[in-house]
Every structure is written in C-alpha cells, then in structure tokens.
C-alpha cells in the first residue's frame, strides 16, 4: 500500500525514530518562485501509510525567494529544524502547535561564503541565469540528539557550524543574543547532504571531490570515507541496515543552468550504498 500524499515539490524526506516519514515541500519549482500557500511539512505514519499531519508555512516563515531545503526531527522535544538555502536561516517548528519561526537569518553561519567558487568535475560552476558562481546558503543539516546539537553548513562554503537545540527553541532568547550561541566547528569540503551517526560523528558529502567525509568529534578532524567519480554531486545521505550508508547522485552540475542551457544529466539517476561504515 502506498501513502496518499498530495503532489509535492519535495526537497527532503526523512524517517524519524518513531517510524514516521516527513516530507518537506518548499513549493518552489525549479528552485525559483514560491507557489503561494504551498510550503509545508508533511508527516506520514508508515504503520498506516496515511498522512497524519500537514504544517503549512506562511510568508513569515518561507518568504519570497526562500527555499526550504532540509529537515531534521527531534521527536523527544516535538520540534523540527529546517534550513533555508536561498536566503539563509534556520526554521524552528513546534510540531505540537504547528507554529514556526525563522532564526539566525542575519548571521554569517547561515550565509554562503562569497569567496568560495565551486569547482566540480574540473569545471568552475557558473549559474547561467545570474552569470556568476552560485551562492547557496544554509543547506545540509544534522541533529545530534544525544548531545543536543544541531549542525548546519552552507553549500557554498567550507565552515561547519553547530548550536545547542535548547538555544534555538528558547523563545525568550532574543535575536540579538542567539548568534553568540553559535559555535564554529571546523573547515570541511563543500557539502550538500549531511547526516548524524549514533556515535556523534557527522557525515558530509563532498561535491567537489565526488565523495563523503566524516567529522570525528573525538579527534576534531575531517576523515575521508569514500571518493568515487560515479558520485556525481553526492547529495542526500541515509542510514540503512547493518551500518550501510546510502547516498544519492543528483548530477546538479549537469543541469542546464550550469551548462549553457543544455542538460548533460543522464538517466537513470543512481542511489549508491557504502557498506559497513556505520553503527551495527
């Protein structure tokens, strides 16, 4: 049986630790104009394959030119955290009330690093629509529930940041005081996808190196996991059984906007499995 879900322009899907599927819909086809009234977060109960909750986002949360990109769910505290990769922000959602708000939208940690020029497959990316290198803000996100940290990273950037979720969810903490709670973690390759592990390690895709790296909190070092030319723009990461790590190859560098208006993407799109590196 399949879940009966409305048609969505999916940016992210994730299964939480209670076997619920969450679908983030930025409602921005081709990452351009937002469909009015469209941005939302959808919850599907995988036991019944039914939509059990839909949280819509107004313009106060998803303003024009924004793009809701990735989501993590904190079931213990009934919260969701979402990145805006266009304007740069972290959206905090109360899953109980459905209320959401933007945070850190004026902080450097959610903004692209303008000096970074992405080079993929030996070619510098130029956005043909803007005639300049792409500038993509807070994108990848990972939630360490054991230690209470939310990790996040601009796609156009090399700096990994984190903040205690208790600070993000504290509505008494002012917008002026919240930035002081952000921690700079380390320098990494430019990532698209990120994923937390039970041991506290943070996995990041390496879009320029066709690979995956891991930040080890014990050593505070970035460690290579895998590099393979077949990982054409490694994107979403997900854990499977027996510590297998799955990664999509989205071929974003081959989109028309980066190739003089002509797509060089090839089908089928591929999902790869990296065997035996995660928790058993």
C-alpha atoms as a PDB file:
ATOM      1  CA  UNK A   1       0.000   0.000   0.000  1.00  0.00           C
ATOM      2  CA  UNK A   2       1.225   3.495  -0.815  1.00  0.00           C
ATOM      3  CA  UNK A   3       0.690   6.619   1.211  1.00  0.00           C
ATOM      4  CA  UNK A   4      -1.852   9.023  -0.245  1.00  0.00           C
ATOM      5  CA  UNK A   5       0.156  12.233  -0.337  1.00  0.00           C
ATOM      6  CA  UNK A   6      -0.657  15.362  -2.309  1.00  0.00           C
ATOM      7  CA  UNK A   7       1.697  16.168  -5.168  1.00  0.00           C
ATOM      8  CA  UNK A   8       4.697  17.961  -3.705  1.00  0.00           C
ATOM      9  CA  UNK A   9       7.889  19.599  -4.895  1.00  0.00           C
ATOM     10  CA  UNK A  10       9.969  17.577  -2.468  1.00  0.00           C
ATOM     11  CA  UNK A  11      13.201  18.996  -1.094  1.00  0.00           C
ATOM     12  CA  UNK A  12      13.808  16.498   1.682  1.00  0.00           C
ATOM     13  CA  UNK A  13      12.347  13.275   3.066  1.00  0.00           C
ATOM     14  CA  UNK A  14      13.405  11.678   6.328  1.00  0.00           C
ATOM     15  CA  UNK A  15      12.148   8.940   8.636  1.00  0.00           C
ATOM     16  CA  UNK A  16      12.217   9.755  12.350  1.00  0.00           C
ATOM     17  CA  UNK A  17      12.964   7.378  15.223  1.00  0.00           C
ATOM     18  CA  UNK A  18       9.250   6.602  15.616  1.00  0.00           C
ATOM     19  CA  UNK A  19       8.862   5.368  12.033  1.00  0.00           C
ATOM     20  CA  UNK A  20       7.161   8.458  10.688  1.00  0.00           C
ATOM     21  CA  UNK A  21       8.048   9.775   7.239  1.00  0.00           C
ATOM     22  CA  UNK A  22       8.450  13.551   6.986  1.00  0.00           C
ATOM     23  CA  UNK A  23       8.289  15.291   3.608  1.00  0.00           C
ATOM     24  CA  UNK A  24       9.460  18.890   3.226  1.00  0.00           C
ATOM     25  CA  UNK A  25       7.824  20.773   0.352  1.00  0.00           C
ATOM     26  CA  UNK A  26       9.414  24.172  -0.434  1.00  0.00           C
ATOM     27  CA  UNK A  27       6.793  24.736  -3.169  1.00  0.00           C
ATOM     28  CA  UNK A  28       9.421  26.422  -5.345  1.00  0.00           C
ATOM     29  CA  UNK A  29       9.534  24.581  -8.701  1.00  0.00           C
ATOM     30  CA  UNK A  30      12.989  24.658 -10.268  1.00  0.00           C
ATOM     31  CA  UNK A  31      14.154  26.487  -7.113  1.00  0.00           C
ATOM     32  CA  UNK A  32      12.518  29.682  -8.354  1.00  0.00           C
ATOM     33  CA  UNK A  33       9.272  31.452  -7.380  1.00  0.00           C
ATOM     34  CA  UNK A  34       7.334  30.049  -4.425  1.00  0.00           C
ATOM     35  CA  UNK A  35       3.793  28.836  -5.095  1.00  0.00           C
ATOM     36  CA  UNK A  36       1.663  30.958  -2.798  1.00  0.00           C
ATOM     37  CA  UNK A  37       0.405  28.918   0.159  1.00  0.00           C
ATOM     38  CA  UNK A  38       2.475  25.931  -0.904  1.00  0.00           C
ATOM     39  CA  UNK A  39       5.417  25.494   1.530  1.00  0.00           C
ATOM     40  CA  UNK A  40       4.650  22.798   4.097  1.00  0.00           C
ATOM     41  CA  UNK A  41       5.917  19.921   6.191  1.00  0.00           C
ATOM     42  CA  UNK A  42       4.004  16.646   5.840  1.00  0.00           C
ATOM     43  CA  UNK A  43       4.001  13.715   8.264  1.00  0.00           C
ATOM     44  CA  UNK A  44       3.141  10.190   7.106  1.00  0.00           C
ATOM     45  CA  UNK A  45       2.526   7.376   9.586  1.00  0.00           C
ATOM     46  CA  UNK A  46       4.342   4.424   7.997  1.00  0.00           C
ATOM     47  CA  UNK A  47       2.307   1.946  10.052  1.00  0.00           C
ATOM     48  CA  UNK A  48      -0.855   3.020   8.237  1.00  0.00           C
ATOM     49  CA  UNK A  49       0.646   4.750   5.178  1.00  0.00           C
ATOM     50  CA  UNK A  50      -1.546   7.779   5.811  1.00  0.00           C
ATOM     51  CA  UNK A  51      -0.859  11.479   6.081  1.00  0.00           C
ATOM     52  CA  UNK A  52      -1.474  12.369   9.729  1.00  0.00           C
ATOM     53  CA  UNK A  53      -0.232  15.953   9.868  1.00  0.00           C
ATOM     54  CA  UNK A  54       0.402  18.839   7.491  1.00  0.00           C
ATOM     55  CA  UNK A  55       2.067  22.023   8.729  1.00  0.00           C
ATOM     56  CA  UNK A  56       1.769  24.937   6.273  1.00  0.00           C
ATOM     57  CA  UNK A  57       4.289  27.780   6.284  1.00  0.00           C
ATOM     58  CA  UNK A  58       3.282  31.363   5.571  1.00  0.00           C
ATOM     59  CA  UNK A  59       5.471  34.124   4.179  1.00  0.00           C
ATOM     60  CA  UNK A  60       6.726  34.928   7.669  1.00  0.00           C
ATOM     61  CA  UNK A  61       8.496  31.530   7.598  1.00  0.00           C
ATOM     62  CA  UNK A  62       9.000  30.977   3.852  1.00  0.00           C
ATOM     63  CA  UNK A  63       9.237  34.499   2.369  1.00  0.00           C
ATOM     64  CA  UNK A  64       9.603  35.178  -1.366  1.00  0.00           C
ATOM     65  CA  UNK A  65      12.931  33.971  -2.771  1.00  0.00           C
ATOM     66  CA  UNK A  66      13.439  31.497   0.087  1.00  0.00           C
ATOM     67  CA  UNK A  67      13.936  27.761  -0.417  1.00  0.00           C
ATOM     68  CA  UNK A  68      13.233  25.327   2.412  1.00  0.00           C
ATOM     69  CA  UNK A  69      15.846  22.666   1.844  1.00  0.00           C
ATOM     70  CA  UNK A  70      16.466  20.062   4.525  1.00  0.00           C
ATOM     71  CA  UNK A  71      14.812  18.968   7.776  1.00  0.00           C
ATOM     72  CA  UNK A  72      15.582  17.090  10.967  1.00  0.00           C
ATOM     73  CA  UNK A  73      13.043  15.900  13.533  1.00  0.00           C
ATOM     74  CA  UNK A  74      13.548  15.932  17.315  1.00  0.00           C
ATOM     75  CA  UNK A  75      10.800  13.558  18.484  1.00  0.00           C
ATOM     76  CA  UNK A  76      11.747  13.815  22.163  1.00  0.00           C
ATOM     77  CA  UNK A  77      11.054  17.547  22.194  1.00  0.00           C
ATOM     78  CA  UNK A  78       8.457  17.607  19.384  1.00  0.00           C
ATOM     79  CA  UNK A  79      10.462  20.016  17.244  1.00  0.00           C
ATOM     80  CA  UNK A  80      11.646  20.215  13.636  1.00  0.00           C
ATOM     81  CA  UNK A  81      14.602  22.172  12.267  1.00  0.00           C
ATOM     82  CA  UNK A  82      14.728  23.290   8.630  1.00  0.00           C
ATOM     83  CA  UNK A  83      17.375  25.077   6.568  1.00  0.00           C
ATOM     84  CA  UNK A  84      16.612  27.861   4.098  1.00  0.00           C
ATOM     85  CA  UNK A  85      19.265  27.527   1.413  1.00  0.00           C
ATOM     86  CA  UNK A  86      18.279  30.597  -0.599  1.00  0.00           C
ATOM     87  CA  UNK A  87      18.024  33.447   1.910  1.00  0.00           C
ATOM     88  CA  UNK A  88      19.843  31.665   4.745  1.00  0.00           C
ATOM     89  CA  UNK A  89      18.126  30.799   8.031  1.00  0.00           C
ATOM     90  CA  UNK A  90      17.202  28.008  10.409  1.00  0.00           C
ATOM     91  CA  UNK A  91      13.447  27.499  10.809  1.00  0.00           C
ATOM     92  CA  UNK A  92      12.312  26.109  14.149  1.00  0.00           C
ATOM     93  CA  UNK A  93       8.958  24.290  14.106  1.00  0.00           C
ATOM     94  CA  UNK A  94       6.853  23.300  17.113  1.00  0.00           C
ATOM     95  CA  UNK A  95       5.279  20.059  15.899  1.00  0.00           C
ATOM     96  CA  UNK A  96       2.650  20.158  18.602  1.00  0.00           C
ATOM     97  CA  UNK A  97       1.219  23.570  17.753  1.00  0.00           C
ATOM     98  CA  UNK A  98       2.385  23.841  14.144  1.00  0.00           C
ATOM     99  CA  UNK A  99       3.923  27.236  14.846  1.00  0.00           C
ATOM    100  CA  UNK A 100       7.234  28.040  13.155  1.00  0.00           C
ATOM    101  CA  UNK A 101       9.708  30.903  13.169  1.00  0.00           C
ATOM    102  CA  UNK A 102      12.913  31.933  11.419  1.00  0.00           C
ATOM    103  CA  UNK A 103      16.176  32.223  13.327  1.00  0.00           C
ATOM    104  CA  UNK A 104      19.789  33.192  12.548  1.00  0.00           C
ATOM    105  CA  UNK A 105      18.701  34.701   9.232  1.00  0.00           C
ATOM    106  CA  UNK A 106      21.078  37.631   9.654  1.00  0.00           C
ATOM    107  CA  UNK A 107      24.027  35.563  10.889  1.00  0.00           C
ATOM    108  CA  UNK A 108      27.098  34.654   8.852  1.00  0.00           C
ATOM    109  CA  UNK A 109      26.707  30.971   9.744  1.00  0.00           C
ATOM    110  CA  UNK A 110      23.622  30.625   7.537  1.00  0.00           C
ATOM    111  CA  UNK A 111      25.029  32.668   4.639  1.00  0.00           C
ATOM    112  CA  UNK A 112      27.146  31.485   1.705  1.00  0.00           C
ATOM    113  CA  UNK A 113      30.851  32.232   1.813  1.00  0.00           C
ATOM    114  CA  UNK A 114      31.127  34.529  -1.195  1.00  0.00           C
ATOM    115  CA  UNK A 115      34.824  33.857  -1.713  1.00  0.00           C
ATOM    116  CA  UNK A 116      34.148  30.147  -2.340  1.00  0.00           C
ATOM    117  CA  UNK A 117      33.925  29.238  -6.044  1.00  0.00           C
ATOM    118  CA  UNK A 118      32.753  25.668  -6.560  1.00  0.00           C
ATOM    119  CA  UNK A 119      34.745  23.501  -8.966  1.00  0.00           C
ATOM    120  CA  UNK A 120      33.036  20.235  -9.900  1.00  0.00           C
ATOM    121  CA  UNK A 121      34.487  17.700 -12.352  1.00  0.00           C
ATOM    122  CA  UNK A 122      37.281  20.144 -13.116  1.00  0.00           C
ATOM    123  CA  UNK A 123      34.929  22.967 -14.101  1.00  0.00           C
ATOM    124  CA  UNK A 124      34.011  26.074 -12.121  1.00  0.00           C
ATOM    125  CA  UNK A 125      30.267  26.304 -11.738  1.00  0.00           C
ATOM    126  CA  UNK A 126      28.668  29.391 -13.265  1.00  0.00           C
ATOM    127  CA  UNK A 127      24.946  29.991 -12.866  1.00  0.00           C
ATOM    128  CA  UNK A 128      23.845  30.946 -16.383  1.00  0.00           C
ATOM    129  CA  UNK A 129      20.765  32.715 -15.028  1.00  0.00           C
ATOM    130  CA  UNK A 130      22.833  35.074 -12.870  1.00  0.00           C
ATOM    131  CA  UNK A 131      26.080  34.954 -14.884  1.00  0.00           C
ATOM    132  CA  UNK A 132      28.028  34.324 -11.701  1.00  0.00           C
ATOM    133  CA  UNK A 133      29.123  31.466  -9.417  1.00  0.00           C
ATOM    134  CA  UNK A 134      26.218  30.037  -7.400  1.00  0.00           C
ATOM    135  CA  UNK A 135      25.794  31.272  -3.849  1.00  0.00           C
ATOM    136  CA  UNK A 136      23.839  28.706  -1.823  1.00  0.00           C
ATOM    137  CA  UNK A 137      23.196  29.349   1.864  1.00  0.00           C
ATOM    138  CA  UNK A 138      22.459  27.015   4.811  1.00  0.00           C
ATOM    139  CA  UNK A 139      21.752  23.646   3.253  1.00  0.00           C
ATOM    140  CA  UNK A 140      22.995  20.470   4.949  1.00  0.00           C
ATOM    141  CA  UNK A 141      21.768  19.788   8.473  1.00  0.00           C
ATOM    142  CA  UNK A 142      22.378  17.093  11.102  1.00  0.00           C
ATOM    143  CA  UNK A 143      20.870  16.559  14.547  1.00  0.00           C
ATOM    144  CA  UNK A 144      22.878  15.051  17.395  1.00  0.00           C
ATOM    145  CA  UNK A 145      20.095  14.271  19.868  1.00  0.00           C
ATOM    146  CA  UNK A 146      22.471  12.611  22.348  1.00  0.00           C
ATOM    147  CA  UNK A 147      24.423  15.811  22.919  1.00  0.00           C
ATOM    148  CA  UNK A 148      21.710  18.274  21.928  1.00  0.00           C
ATOM    149  CA  UNK A 149      23.442  19.885  18.948  1.00  0.00           C
ATOM    150  CA  UNK A 150      22.138  20.970  15.559  1.00  0.00           C
ATOM    151  CA  UNK A 151      24.894  21.042  12.925  1.00  0.00           C
ATOM    152  CA  UNK A 152      24.475  23.017   9.712  1.00  0.00           C
ATOM    153  CA  UNK A 153      26.516  24.189   6.739  1.00  0.00           C
ATOM    154  CA  UNK A 154      26.154  26.491   3.735  1.00  0.00           C
ATOM    155  CA  UNK A 155      26.561  24.587   0.476  1.00  0.00           C
ATOM    156  CA  UNK A 156      28.756  27.375  -0.900  1.00  0.00           C
ATOM    157  CA  UNK A 157      31.144  27.332   1.995  1.00  0.00           C
ATOM    158  CA  UNK A 158      33.745  25.382   3.948  1.00  0.00           C
ATOM    159  CA  UNK A 159      32.697  26.073   7.543  1.00  0.00           C
ATOM    160  CA  UNK A 160      30.700  23.667   9.712  1.00  0.00           C
ATOM    161  CA  UNK A 161      28.673  25.285  12.490  1.00  0.00           C
ATOM    162  CA  UNK A 162      26.608  23.981  15.382  1.00  0.00           C
ATOM    163  CA  UNK A 163      24.297  25.304  18.078  1.00  0.00           C
ATOM    164  CA  UNK A 164      22.577  23.743  21.060  1.00  0.00           C
ATOM    165  CA  UNK A 165      18.958  22.977  20.186  1.00  0.00           C
ATOM    166  CA  UNK A 166      17.964  24.277  23.620  1.00  0.00           C
ATOM    167  CA  UNK A 167      19.061  27.740  22.484  1.00  0.00           C
ATOM    168  CA  UNK A 168      17.191  27.512  19.180  1.00  0.00           C
ATOM    169  CA  UNK A 169      13.966  26.511  20.894  1.00  0.00           C
ATOM    170  CA  UNK A 170      14.231  29.102  23.675  1.00  0.00           C
ATOM    171  CA  UNK A 171      11.787  31.809  22.570  1.00  0.00           C
ATOM    172  CA  UNK A 172      12.947  34.026  25.438  1.00  0.00           C
ATOM    173  CA  UNK A 173      16.414  34.233  23.899  1.00  0.00           C
ATOM    174  CA  UNK A 174      16.479  37.370  21.756  1.00  0.00           C
ATOM    175  CA  UNK A 175      17.572  37.527  18.123  1.00  0.00           C
ATOM    176  CA  UNK A 176      20.423  39.713  19.321  1.00  0.00           C
ATOM    177  CA  UNK A 177      21.669  37.139  21.841  1.00  0.00           C
ATOM    178  CA  UNK A 178      21.148  33.919  19.840  1.00  0.00           C
ATOM    179  CA  UNK A 179      24.126  34.420  17.451  1.00  0.00           C
ATOM    180  CA  UNK A 180      26.521  34.321  20.412  1.00  0.00           C
ATOM    181  CA  UNK A 181      25.478  30.700  20.979  1.00  0.00           C
ATOM    182  CA  UNK A 182      26.659  29.561  17.533  1.00  0.00           C
ATOM    183  CA  UNK A 183      29.882  27.536  17.553  1.00  0.00           C
ATOM    184  CA  UNK A 184      32.354  27.227  14.675  1.00  0.00           C
ATOM    185  CA  UNK A 185      33.277  23.536  14.459  1.00  0.00           C
ATOM    186  CA  UNK A 186      35.795  23.021  11.660  1.00  0.00           C
ATOM    187  CA  UNK A 187      36.641  23.504   7.982  1.00  0.00           C
ATOM    188  CA  UNK A 188      35.264  20.910   5.552  1.00  0.00           C
ATOM    189  CA  UNK A 189      34.837  20.329   1.835  1.00  0.00           C
ATOM    190  CA  UNK A 190      31.734  21.985   0.375  1.00  0.00           C
ATOM    191  CA  UNK A 191      28.819  19.645   1.188  1.00  0.00           C
ATOM    192  CA  UNK A 192      25.257  19.230   0.032  1.00  0.00           C
ATOM    193  CA  UNK A 193      23.978  16.422   2.267  1.00  0.00           C
ATOM    194  CA  UNK A 194      24.774  15.838   5.932  1.00  0.00           C
ATOM    195  CA  UNK A 195      23.875  13.053   8.345  1.00  0.00           C
ATOM    196  CA  UNK A 196      24.371  12.323  12.017  1.00  0.00           C
ATOM    197  CA  UNK A 197      25.543   8.978  13.437  1.00  0.00           C
ATOM    198  CA  UNK A 198      24.775   7.429  16.821  1.00  0.00           C
ATOM    199  CA  UNK A 199      28.420   7.818  17.898  1.00  0.00           C
ATOM    200  CA  UNK A 200      28.335  11.589  17.345  1.00  0.00           C
ATOM    201  CA  UNK A 201      30.198  11.534  14.042  1.00  0.00           C
ATOM    202  CA  UNK A 202      28.854  13.862  11.356  1.00  0.00           C
ATOM    203  CA  UNK A 203      28.944  12.696   7.729  1.00  0.00           C
ATOM    204  CA  UNK A 204      29.090  15.242   4.902  1.00  0.00           C
ATOM    205  CA  UNK A 205      29.070  14.818   1.153  1.00  0.00           C
ATOM    206  CA  UNK A 206      31.984  16.345  -0.759  1.00  0.00           C
ATOM    207  CA  UNK A 207      30.526  17.671  -4.007  1.00  0.00           C
ATOM    208  CA  UNK A 208      33.846  18.892  -5.412  1.00  0.00           C
ATOM    209  CA  UNK A 209      35.645  15.643  -4.538  1.00  0.00           C
ATOM    210  CA  UNK A 210      32.900  13.197  -5.583  1.00  0.00           C
ATOM    211  CA  UNK A 211      32.908  11.713  -2.128  1.00  0.00           C
ATOM    212  CA  UNK A 212      31.876  11.567   1.504  1.00  0.00           C
ATOM    213  CA  UNK A 213      33.832  12.723   4.541  1.00  0.00           C
ATOM    214  CA  UNK A 214      33.277  12.368   8.272  1.00  0.00           C
ATOM    215  CA  UNK A 215      33.872  14.784  11.123  1.00  0.00           C
ATOM    216  CA  UNK A 216      35.114  12.889  14.180  1.00  0.00           C
ATOM    217  CA  UNK A 217      34.284  14.809  17.390  1.00  0.00           C
ATOM    218  CA  UNK A 218      36.866  12.850  19.393  1.00  0.00           C
ATOM    219  CA  UNK A 219      39.756  13.989  17.201  1.00  0.00           C
ATOM    220  CA  UNK A 220      38.064  17.099  15.780  1.00  0.00           C
ATOM    221  CA  UNK A 221      39.311  16.035  12.369  1.00  0.00           C
ATOM    222  CA  UNK A 222      37.783  15.530   8.957  1.00  0.00           C
ATOM    223  CA  UNK A 223      38.325  11.958   7.758  1.00  0.00           C
ATOM    224  CA  UNK A 224      37.755  10.636   4.201  1.00  0.00           C
ATOM    225  CA  UNK A 225      35.110   7.916   3.903  1.00  0.00           C
ATOM    226  CA  UNK A 226      34.871   7.290   0.160  1.00  0.00           C
ATOM    227  CA  UNK A 227      35.662   9.031  -3.126  1.00  0.00           C
ATOM    228  CA  UNK A 228      34.400   7.775  -6.457  1.00  0.00           C
ATOM    229  CA  UNK A 229      33.863   9.518  -9.799  1.00  0.00           C
ATOM    230  CA  UNK A 230      30.468   7.852 -10.013  1.00  0.00           C
ATOM    231  CA  UNK A 231      29.276  10.048  -7.146  1.00  0.00           C
ATOM    232  CA  UNK A 232      28.124  12.856  -9.419  1.00  0.00           C
ATOM    233  CA  UNK A 233      27.203  15.582  -6.948  1.00  0.00           C
ATOM    234  CA  UNK A 234      26.652  13.368  -3.864  1.00  0.00           C
ATOM    235  CA  UNK A 235      23.557  14.708  -2.191  1.00  0.00           C
ATOM    236  CA  UNK A 236      21.192  13.075   0.310  1.00  0.00           C
ATOM    237  CA  UNK A 237      22.613  10.669   2.903  1.00  0.00           C
ATOM    238  CA  UNK A 238      20.643   7.999   4.771  1.00  0.00           C
ATOM    239  CA  UNK A 239      21.408   5.049   7.034  1.00  0.00           C
ATOM    240  CA  UNK A 240      20.352   1.541   6.070  1.00  0.00           C
ATOM    241  CA  UNK A 241      20.579  -1.809   7.883  1.00  0.00           C
ATOM    242  CA  UNK A 242      23.929  -3.074   9.170  1.00  0.00           C
ATOM    243  CA  UNK A 243      25.620   0.299   9.068  1.00  0.00           C
ATOM    244  CA  UNK A 244      25.234   0.769   5.318  1.00  0.00           C
ATOM    245  CA  UNK A 245      25.252   4.389   4.187  1.00  0.00           C
ATOM    246  CA  UNK A 246      23.138   5.338   1.172  1.00  0.00           C
ATOM    247  CA  UNK A 247      23.851   8.398  -0.964  1.00  0.00           C
ATOM    248  CA  UNK A 248      22.104   9.863  -3.991  1.00  0.00           C
ATOM    249  CA  UNK A 249      23.978  11.229  -7.001  1.00  0.00           C
ATOM    250  CA  UNK A 250      21.870  14.160  -8.152  1.00  0.00           C
ATOM    251  CA  UNK A 251      24.047  15.412 -11.059  1.00  0.00           C
ATOM    252  CA  UNK A 252      23.294  19.048 -10.233  1.00  0.00           C
ATOM    253  CA  UNK A 253      26.476  20.155 -12.006  1.00  0.00           C
ATOM    254  CA  UNK A 254      24.936  18.791 -15.227  1.00  0.00           C
ATOM    255  CA  UNK A 255      21.760  20.887 -15.018  1.00  0.00           C
ATOM    256  CA  UNK A 256      21.049  23.329 -17.885  1.00  0.00           C
ATOM    257  CA  UNK A 257      21.680  26.340 -15.622  1.00  0.00           C
ATOM    258  CA  UNK A 258      25.340  25.300 -15.331  1.00  0.00           C
ATOM    259  CA  UNK A 259      25.815  24.122 -18.948  1.00  0.00           C
ATOM    260  CA  UNK A 260      24.863  26.945 -21.292  1.00  0.00           C
ATOM    261  CA  UNK A 261      21.199  25.994 -21.095  1.00  0.00           C
ATOM    262  CA  UNK A 262      21.709  22.347 -22.078  1.00  0.00           C
ATOM    263  CA  UNK A 263      21.208  19.413 -19.737  1.00  0.00           C
ATOM    264  CA  UNK A 264      24.004  16.844 -19.632  1.00  0.00           C
ATOM    265  CA  UNK A 265      22.269  14.764 -16.965  1.00  0.00           C
ATOM    266  CA  UNK A 266      21.914  11.066 -17.719  1.00  0.00           C
ATOM    267  CA  UNK A 267      19.299   8.567 -16.583  1.00  0.00           C
ATOM    268  CA  UNK A 268      18.752   6.556 -14.567  1.00  0.00           C
ATOM    269  CA  UNK A 269      19.675   8.617 -11.544  1.00  0.00           C
ATOM    270  CA  UNK A 270      21.581   6.466  -9.098  1.00  0.00           C
ATOM    271  CA  UNK A 271      21.473   5.629  -5.421  1.00  0.00           C
ATOM    272  CA  UNK A 272      24.733   4.206  -4.059  1.00  0.00           C
ATOM    273  CA  UNK A 273      25.415   2.111  -0.982  1.00  0.00           C
ATOM    274  CA  UNK A 274      28.616   2.394   1.066  1.00  0.00           C
ATOM    275  CA  UNK A 275      28.974  -0.816   3.005  1.00  0.00           C
ATOM    276  CA  UNK A 276      29.823  -1.325   6.669  1.00  0.00           C
ATOM    277  CA  UNK A 277      30.980   2.057   7.908  1.00  0.00           C
ATOM    278  CA  UNK A 278      28.226   2.970  10.360  1.00  0.00           C
ATOM    279  CA  UNK A 279      26.730   1.649  13.580  1.00  0.00           C
ATOM    280  CA  UNK A 280      25.726  -2.013  13.620  1.00  0.00           C
END
